[in-house]
Amino acid sequence: MPDWNEVWTDLVRLAVAFLLTEVIGWNREREEHSTGIRAFPIVGMASCGYLLILGPHPDPAAQSRVLQGLMTGIGFVGGGAILKQGSRVRGTATAASIWTAGVIGAAAAMDKYAIAIIITIFNLVILRALLPIKKRLDEKRISRRTE
């Protein structure tokens, strides 16, 4: 018989992972990137789920191994978002954001909601607030090549 308190607690953790990573996915989708509203919450919930299956009082060594595996695996997924077009490389911010989606899911699984929320906010600020600066730097770089 399942422990319904644990089930509800896990459901809340998964929902937090979903909601926070969906916000980032929505941003990427709006910016017309190939990875967005589906991939980000899947990564966040999967990261959360991998840690939740260890149970309510996980062995720290097992938890550490799962986190190490997540870091590596999500890095591989993020690598798929990076595209090379001639001398240009695109998708690195999306790839890095996929990696943070994994951290957000892991933080939710470990009841570190403040960390999950702060990382989500910082990720969104970086993607939105620094975009105009990135575009200006890219324009300068292109104009120097054409001179």
N, C-alpha and C. Protein backbone atom coordinates (compact mmCIF):
# COMPACT_ATOMS: atom_id res chain seq x y z
N MET A 1 0.84 -1.18 0.00
CA MET A 1 0.00 0.00 0.00
C MET A 1 0.89 1.25 0.00
N PRO A 2 0.64 2.19 -0.92
CA PRO A 2 1.50 3.38 -0.97
C PRO A 2 1.26 4.30 0.22
N ASP A 3 2.30 5.02 0.57
CA ASP A 3 2.21 6.06 1.59
C ASP A 3 1.71 7.31 0.87
N TRP A 4 0.42 7.65 1.05
CA TRP A 4 -0.19 8.74 0.30
C TRP A 4 0.42 10.10 0.62
N ASN A 5 0.94 10.28 1.82
CA ASN A 5 1.62 11.54 2.13
C ASN A 5 2.87 11.69 1.26
N GLU A 6 3.60 10.59 1.11
CA GLU A 6 4.80 10.61 0.26
C GLU A 6 4.42 10.82 -1.20
N VAL A 7 3.34 10.19 -1.63
CA VAL A 7 2.89 10.36 -3.02
C VAL A 7 2.56 11.83 -3.30
N TRP A 8 1.81 12.46 -2.40
CA TRP A 8 1.44 13.87 -2.60
C TRP A 8 2.67 14.77 -2.54
N THR A 9 3.59 14.49 -1.64
CA THR A 9 4.82 15.27 -1.55
C THR A 9 5.61 15.16 -2.84
N ASP A 10 5.74 13.95 -3.37
CA ASP A 10 6.45 13.74 -4.64
C ASP A 10 5.74 14.45 -5.78
N LEU A 11 4.42 14.41 -5.77
CA LEU A 11 3.65 15.09 -6.82
C LEU A 11 3.91 16.59 -6.79
N VAL A 12 3.95 17.17 -5.61
CA VAL A 12 4.26 18.60 -5.49
C VAL A 12 5.65 18.90 -6.02
N ARG A 13 6.62 18.07 -5.67
CA ARG A 13 7.99 18.28 -6.14
C ARG A 13 8.06 18.21 -7.67
N LEU A 14 7.39 17.21 -8.24
CA LEU A 14 7.37 17.08 -9.70
C LEU A 14 6.66 18.26 -10.35
N ALA A 15 5.58 18.73 -9.74
CA ALA A 15 4.85 19.88 -10.28
C ALA A 15 5.71 21.15 -10.24
N VAL A 16 6.45 21.34 -9.17
CA VAL A 16 7.36 22.49 -9.08
C VAL A 16 8.42 22.39 -10.18
N ALA A 17 9.00 21.21 -10.35
CA ALA A 17 10.00 21.02 -11.40
C ALA A 17 9.39 21.32 -12.77
N PHE A 18 8.18 20.84 -13.00
CA PHE A 18 7.50 21.09 -14.28
C PHE A 18 7.28 22.58 -14.50
N LEU A 19 6.67 23.24 -13.53
CA LEU A 19 6.29 24.65 -13.71
C LEU A 19 7.51 25.55 -13.92
N LEU A 20 8.54 25.35 -13.11
CA LEU A 20 9.71 26.21 -13.22
C LEU A 20 10.46 26.00 -14.53
N THR A 21 10.56 24.77 -14.97
CA THR A 21 11.28 24.52 -16.23
C THR A 21 10.42 24.85 -17.45
N GLU A 22 9.11 24.79 -17.30
CA GLU A 22 8.22 25.16 -18.41
C GLU A 22 8.36 26.64 -18.73
N VAL A 23 8.58 27.46 -17.71
CA VAL A 23 8.77 28.90 -17.93
C VAL A 23 10.00 29.14 -18.81
N ILE A 24 11.06 28.43 -18.53
CA ILE A 24 12.28 28.57 -19.35
C ILE A 24 12.03 28.02 -20.75
N GLY A 25 11.37 26.88 -20.85
CA GLY A 25 11.04 26.32 -22.15
C GLY A 25 10.19 27.25 -22.98
N TRP A 26 9.26 27.94 -22.34
CA TRP A 26 8.41 28.90 -23.03
C TRP A 26 9.26 30.03 -23.61
N ASN A 27 10.23 30.50 -22.84
CA ASN A 27 11.12 31.53 -23.32
C ASN A 27 11.88 31.07 -24.56
N ARG A 28 12.42 29.87 -24.52
CA ARG A 28 13.18 29.35 -25.66
C ARG A 28 12.28 29.17 -26.88
N GLU A 29 11.06 28.73 -26.65
CA GLU A 29 10.10 28.53 -27.75
C GLU A 29 9.76 29.89 -28.39
N ARG A 30 9.54 30.90 -27.57
CA ARG A 30 9.22 32.23 -28.09
C ARG A 30 10.38 32.81 -28.89
N GLU A 31 11.58 32.46 -28.52
CA GLU A 31 12.76 32.94 -29.25
C GLU A 31 13.04 32.07 -30.48
N GLU A 32 12.13 31.14 -30.76
CA GLU A 32 12.19 30.26 -31.94
C GLU A 32 13.40 29.34 -31.94
N HIS A 33 13.71 28.80 -30.78
CA HIS A 33 14.76 27.79 -30.68
C HIS A 33 14.14 26.41 -30.85
N SER A 34 14.94 25.46 -31.26
CA SER A 34 14.41 24.13 -31.55
C SER A 34 14.00 23.37 -30.29
N THR A 35 14.52 23.76 -29.16
CA THR A 35 14.22 23.09 -27.90
C THR A 35 13.41 24.05 -27.05
N GLY A 36 12.26 23.57 -26.51
CA GLY A 36 11.43 24.51 -25.77
C GLY A 36 10.44 23.89 -24.82
N ILE A 37 9.17 24.12 -25.08
CA ILE A 37 8.12 23.83 -24.11
C ILE A 37 7.93 22.35 -23.79
N ARG A 38 8.46 21.48 -24.60
CA ARG A 38 8.36 20.05 -24.29
C ARG A 38 9.61 19.52 -23.62
N ALA A 39 10.76 19.86 -24.16
CA ALA A 39 12.01 19.28 -23.67
C ALA A 39 12.38 19.76 -22.27
N PHE A 40 12.21 21.04 -22.00
CA PHE A 40 12.63 21.57 -20.70
C PHE A 40 11.90 20.92 -19.53
N PRO A 41 10.55 20.87 -19.55
CA PRO A 41 9.89 20.22 -18.42
C PRO A 41 10.17 18.73 -18.33
N ILE A 42 10.40 18.09 -19.46
CA ILE A 42 10.74 16.67 -19.42
C ILE A 42 12.07 16.48 -18.70
N VAL A 43 13.05 17.31 -19.03
CA VAL A 43 14.36 17.22 -18.36
C VAL A 43 14.21 17.52 -16.87
N GLY A 44 13.45 18.57 -16.54
CA GLY A 44 13.27 18.95 -15.13
C GLY A 44 12.57 17.86 -14.33
N MET A 45 11.49 17.32 -14.89
CA MET A 45 10.75 16.27 -14.16
C MET A 45 11.54 14.97 -14.08
N ALA A 46 12.27 14.64 -15.14
CA ALA A 46 13.08 13.41 -15.11
C ALA A 46 14.17 13.53 -14.06
N SER A 47 14.82 14.68 -13.98
CA SER A 47 15.86 14.88 -12.97
C SER A 47 15.26 14.75 -11.57
N CYS A 48 14.11 15.35 -11.39
CA CYS A 48 13.42 15.24 -10.11
C CYS A 48 13.07 13.78 -9.83
N GLY A 49 12.52 13.11 -10.82
CA GLY A 49 12.10 11.71 -10.66
C GLY A 49 13.24 10.77 -10.32
N TYR A 50 14.38 10.96 -10.98
CA TYR A 50 15.53 10.09 -10.69
C TYR A 50 15.93 10.18 -9.22
N LEU A 51 15.86 11.37 -8.67
CA LEU A 51 16.21 11.52 -7.26
C LEU A 51 15.09 11.03 -6.34
N LEU A 52 13.85 11.19 -6.77
CA LEU A 52 12.73 10.75 -5.94
C LEU A 52 12.67 9.22 -5.80
N ILE A 53 13.11 8.52 -6.83
CA ILE A 53 13.04 7.05 -6.74
C ILE A 53 14.00 6.49 -5.70
N LEU A 54 14.92 7.33 -5.21
CA LEU A 54 15.82 6.88 -4.15
C LEU A 54 15.11 6.80 -2.80
N GLY A 55 13.89 7.36 -2.73
CA GLY A 55 13.12 7.28 -1.50
C GLY A 55 13.25 8.52 -0.65
N PRO A 56 12.48 8.58 0.43
CA PRO A 56 12.44 9.79 1.25
C PRO A 56 13.73 10.06 2.04
N HIS A 57 14.53 9.05 2.31
CA HIS A 57 15.78 9.22 3.06
C HIS A 57 16.91 8.52 2.31
N PRO A 58 17.33 9.13 1.18
CA PRO A 58 18.32 8.46 0.33
C PRO A 58 19.70 8.40 0.97
N ASP A 59 20.42 7.37 0.59
CA ASP A 59 21.82 7.25 0.97
C ASP A 59 22.59 8.37 0.25
N PRO A 60 23.35 9.18 0.96
CA PRO A 60 24.07 10.29 0.33
C PRO A 60 24.98 9.85 -0.82
N ALA A 61 25.60 8.69 -0.70
CA ALA A 61 26.49 8.21 -1.77
C ALA A 61 25.67 7.90 -3.03
N ALA A 62 24.50 7.28 -2.85
CA ALA A 62 23.64 6.97 -3.99
C ALA A 62 23.12 8.26 -4.62
N GLN A 63 22.74 9.20 -3.78
CA GLN A 63 22.25 10.48 -4.28
C GLN A 63 23.35 11.20 -5.08
N SER A 64 24.56 11.13 -4.59
CA SER A 64 25.69 11.75 -5.28
C SER A 64 25.91 11.11 -6.65
N ARG A 65 25.83 9.79 -6.72
CA ARG A 65 26.02 9.10 -8.01
C ARG A 65 24.91 9.47 -8.99
N VAL A 66 23.68 9.57 -8.51
CA VAL A 66 22.57 9.95 -9.39
C VAL A 66 22.81 11.37 -9.91
N LEU A 67 23.19 12.28 -9.05
CA LEU A 67 23.46 13.66 -9.48
C LEU A 67 24.58 13.71 -10.51
N GLN A 68 25.63 12.92 -10.30
CA GLN A 68 26.73 12.89 -11.27
C GLN A 68 26.26 12.37 -12.61
N GLY A 69 25.44 11.34 -12.58
CA GLY A 69 24.90 10.80 -13.83
C GLY A 69 23.99 11.79 -14.53
N LEU A 70 23.19 12.50 -13.75
CA LEU A 70 22.31 13.52 -14.34
C LEU A 70 23.11 14.62 -15.01
N MET A 71 24.15 15.09 -14.34
CA MET A 71 24.97 16.16 -14.91
C MET A 71 25.55 15.74 -16.26
N THR A 72 26.02 14.53 -16.33
CA THR A 72 26.61 14.03 -17.57
C THR A 72 25.55 13.82 -18.64
N GLY A 73 24.47 13.16 -18.27
CA GLY A 73 23.41 12.85 -19.23
C GLY A 73 22.73 14.08 -19.78
N ILE A 74 22.46 15.03 -18.93
CA ILE A 74 21.80 16.25 -19.40
C ILE A 74 22.75 17.08 -20.26
N GLY A 75 24.03 17.02 -19.97
CA GLY A 75 25.01 17.68 -20.83
C GLY A 75 24.96 17.11 -22.24
N PHE A 76 24.76 15.81 -22.33
CA PHE A 76 24.65 15.16 -23.65
C PHE A 76 23.39 15.64 -24.37
N VAL A 77 22.27 15.73 -23.65
CA VAL A 77 21.02 16.22 -24.24
C VAL A 77 21.20 17.66 -24.71
N GLY A 78 21.82 18.49 -23.86
CA GLY A 78 22.06 19.88 -24.23
C GLY A 78 22.95 20.01 -25.44
N GLY A 79 23.90 19.11 -25.59
CA GLY A 79 24.78 19.13 -26.75
C GLY A 79 24.01 19.02 -28.06
N GLY A 80 22.87 18.35 -28.00
CA GLY A 80 22.03 18.22 -29.20
C GLY A 80 21.39 19.52 -29.62
N ALA A 81 21.33 20.50 -28.73
CA ALA A 81 20.73 21.80 -29.04
C ALA A 81 21.72 22.75 -29.70
N ILE A 82 23.00 22.39 -29.72
CA ILE A 82 24.03 23.25 -30.29
C ILE A 82 24.18 22.94 -31.77
N LEU A 83 24.07 23.99 -32.57
CA LEU A 83 24.17 23.85 -34.03
C LEU A 83 25.32 24.69 -34.55
N LYS A 84 26.06 24.13 -35.51
CA LYS A 84 27.14 24.89 -36.14
C LYS A 84 26.70 25.21 -37.56
N GLN A 85 26.71 26.51 -37.87
CA GLN A 85 26.33 26.97 -39.20
C GLN A 85 27.48 27.80 -39.74
N GLY A 86 28.30 27.17 -40.57
CA GLY A 86 29.49 27.85 -41.07
C GLY A 86 30.42 28.15 -39.92
N SER A 87 30.74 29.43 -39.74
CA SER A 87 31.63 29.80 -38.64
C SER A 87 30.84 30.15 -37.37
N ARG A 88 29.53 30.12 -37.46
CA ARG A 88 28.67 30.46 -36.30
C ARG A 88 28.26 29.23 -35.53
N VAL A 89 28.20 29.38 -34.23
CA VAL A 89 27.70 28.33 -33.35
C VAL A 89 26.47 28.90 -32.66
N ARG A 90 25.37 28.16 -32.73
CA ARG A 90 24.11 28.61 -32.12
C ARG A 90 23.62 27.56 -31.13
N GLY A 91 22.87 28.02 -30.16
CA GLY A 91 22.22 27.10 -29.24
C GLY A 91 22.95 26.87 -27.93
N THR A 92 24.03 27.56 -27.72
CA THR A 92 24.77 27.32 -26.47
C THR A 92 23.98 27.79 -25.24
N ALA A 93 23.25 28.89 -25.37
CA ALA A 93 22.43 29.35 -24.23
C ALA A 93 21.29 28.37 -23.97
N THR A 94 20.73 27.82 -25.04
CA THR A 94 19.68 26.82 -24.87
C THR A 94 20.24 25.56 -24.23
N ALA A 95 21.42 25.14 -24.66
CA ALA A 95 22.06 23.96 -24.08
C ALA A 95 22.35 24.18 -22.59
N ALA A 96 22.86 25.36 -22.26
CA ALA A 96 23.13 25.66 -20.85
C ALA A 96 21.83 25.72 -20.05
N SER A 97 20.78 26.21 -20.66
CA SER A 97 19.48 26.28 -19.99
C SER A 97 18.90 24.88 -19.76
N ILE A 98 19.15 23.97 -20.68
CA ILE A 98 18.72 22.58 -20.49
C ILE A 98 19.43 22.01 -19.26
N TRP A 99 20.69 22.33 -19.14
CA TRP A 99 21.46 21.86 -17.98
C TRP A 99 20.88 22.42 -16.70
N THR A 100 20.50 23.71 -16.72
CA THR A 100 19.91 24.28 -15.52
C THR A 100 18.53 23.69 -15.24
N ALA A 101 17.81 23.25 -16.28
CA ALA A 101 16.52 22.58 -16.06
C ALA A 101 16.73 21.32 -15.22
N GLY A 102 17.83 20.63 -15.46
CA GLY A 102 18.15 19.46 -14.65
C GLY A 102 18.43 19.81 -13.21
N VAL A 103 19.13 20.92 -12.99
CA VAL A 103 19.43 21.37 -11.63
C VAL A 103 18.14 21.78 -10.92
N ILE A 104 17.26 22.44 -11.64
CA ILE A 104 15.98 22.87 -11.07
C ILE A 104 15.17 21.65 -10.63
N GLY A 105 15.11 20.64 -11.48
CA GLY A 105 14.39 19.41 -11.11
C GLY A 105 15.02 18.72 -9.92
N ALA A 106 16.34 18.67 -9.88
CA ALA A 106 17.04 18.03 -8.76
C ALA A 106 16.80 18.82 -7.48
N ALA A 107 16.84 20.14 -7.56
CA ALA A 107 16.59 20.97 -6.38
C ALA A 107 15.17 20.75 -5.85
N ALA A 108 14.21 20.65 -6.74
CA ALA A 108 12.83 20.40 -6.32
C ALA A 108 12.72 19.04 -5.62
N ALA A 109 13.41 18.04 -6.15
CA ALA A 109 13.37 16.71 -5.54
C ALA A 109 13.96 16.72 -4.13
N MET A 110 14.92 17.60 -3.91
CA MET A 110 15.62 17.63 -2.63
C MET A 110 15.06 18.70 -1.68
N ASP A 111 13.86 19.20 -1.98
CA ASP A 111 13.20 20.24 -1.16
C ASP A 111 13.99 21.54 -1.11
N LYS A 112 14.75 21.82 -2.11
CA LYS A 112 15.52 23.05 -2.18
C LYS A 112 14.79 24.02 -3.13
N TYR A 113 13.55 24.36 -2.76
CA TYR A 113 12.71 25.18 -3.62
C TYR A 113 13.28 26.56 -3.86
N ALA A 114 13.90 27.15 -2.85
CA ALA A 114 14.49 28.48 -3.03
C ALA A 114 15.57 28.44 -4.10
N ILE A 115 16.41 27.41 -4.08
CA ILE A 115 17.45 27.27 -5.10
C ILE A 115 16.82 27.10 -6.48
N ALA A 116 15.79 26.27 -6.57
CA ALA A 116 15.11 26.04 -7.85
C ALA A 116 14.53 27.34 -8.39
N ILE A 117 13.90 28.12 -7.53
CA ILE A 117 13.29 29.38 -7.97
C ILE A 117 14.36 30.40 -8.35
N ILE A 118 15.40 30.52 -7.56
CA ILE A 118 16.47 31.48 -7.84
C ILE A 118 17.16 31.14 -9.17
N ILE A 119 17.46 29.87 -9.40
CA ILE A 119 18.09 29.48 -10.66
C ILE A 119 17.17 29.78 -11.83
N THR A 120 15.89 29.52 -11.67
CA THR A 120 14.93 29.82 -12.74
C THR A 120 14.94 31.31 -13.05
N ILE A 121 14.87 32.13 -12.02
CA ILE A 121 14.86 33.59 -12.22
C ILE A 121 16.15 34.06 -12.88
N PHE A 122 17.29 33.61 -12.36
CA PHE A 122 18.57 34.01 -12.95
C PHE A 122 18.66 33.56 -14.41
N ASN A 123 18.23 32.35 -14.69
CA ASN A 123 18.29 31.84 -16.06
C ASN A 123 17.46 32.73 -16.98
N LEU A 124 16.24 33.08 -16.55
CA LEU A 124 15.38 33.93 -17.38
C LEU A 124 15.97 35.33 -17.55
N VAL A 125 16.53 35.88 -16.48
CA VAL A 125 17.15 37.21 -16.57
C VAL A 125 18.31 37.18 -17.57
N ILE A 126 19.12 36.16 -17.48
CA ILE A 126 20.26 36.04 -18.40
C ILE A 126 19.77 35.93 -19.85
N LEU A 127 18.76 35.10 -20.07
CA LEU A 127 18.25 34.91 -21.43
C LEU A 127 17.61 36.18 -21.99
N ARG A 128 16.86 36.90 -21.16
CA ARG A 128 16.13 38.07 -21.64
C ARG A 128 16.96 39.36 -21.56
N ALA A 129 17.53 39.65 -20.42
CA ALA A 129 18.19 40.93 -20.21
C ALA A 129 19.51 41.04 -20.98
N LEU A 130 20.18 39.94 -21.14
CA LEU A 130 21.47 39.99 -21.84
C LEU A 130 21.35 39.78 -23.35
N LEU A 131 20.15 39.46 -23.84
CA LEU A 131 19.96 39.25 -25.28
C LEU A 131 20.30 40.49 -26.10
N PRO A 132 19.83 41.69 -25.73
CA PRO A 132 20.20 42.86 -26.53
C PRO A 132 21.72 43.09 -26.59
N ILE A 133 22.40 42.85 -25.49
CA ILE A 133 23.86 43.00 -25.47
C ILE A 133 24.50 41.97 -26.40
N LYS A 134 24.01 40.74 -26.34
CA LYS A 134 24.53 39.67 -27.22
C LYS A 134 24.34 40.05 -28.68
N LYS A 135 23.17 40.57 -29.02
CA LYS A 135 22.89 40.95 -30.41
C LYS A 135 23.82 42.07 -30.87
N ARG A 136 24.06 43.06 -30.00
CA ARG A 136 24.98 44.14 -30.37
C ARG A 136 26.40 43.63 -30.58
N LEU A 137 26.85 42.74 -29.71
CA LEU A 137 28.19 42.17 -29.88
C LEU A 137 28.28 41.37 -31.17
N ASP A 138 27.24 40.61 -31.49
CA ASP A 138 27.22 39.84 -32.74
C ASP A 138 27.26 40.76 -33.95
N GLU A 139 26.50 41.87 -33.90
CA GLU A 139 26.50 42.82 -35.01
C GLU A 139 27.88 43.44 -35.20
N LYS A 140 28.54 43.80 -34.11
CA LYS A 140 29.89 44.37 -34.19
C LYS A 140 30.85 43.36 -34.79
N ARG A 141 30.72 42.12 -34.37
CA ARG A 141 31.60 41.06 -34.87
C ARG A 141 31.40 40.88 -36.38
N ILE A 142 30.15 40.90 -36.83
CA ILE A 142 29.85 40.74 -38.25
C ILE A 142 30.34 41.94 -39.05
N SER A 143 30.15 43.14 -38.50
CA SER A 143 30.58 44.33 -39.23
C SER A 143 32.11 44.38 -39.36
N ARG A 144 32.83 43.89 -38.37
CA ARG A 144 34.31 43.84 -38.45
C ARG A 144 34.76 42.87 -39.54
N ARG A 145 34.02 41.79 -39.71
CA ARG A 145 34.40 40.80 -40.75
C ARG A 145 34.16 41.33 -42.14
N THR A 146 33.16 42.20 -42.32
CA THR A 146 32.84 42.69 -43.64
C THR A 146 33.66 43.91 -44.03
N GLU A 147 34.38 44.47 -43.08
CA GLU A 147 35.21 45.66 -43.41
C GLU A 147 36.42 45.31 -44.20
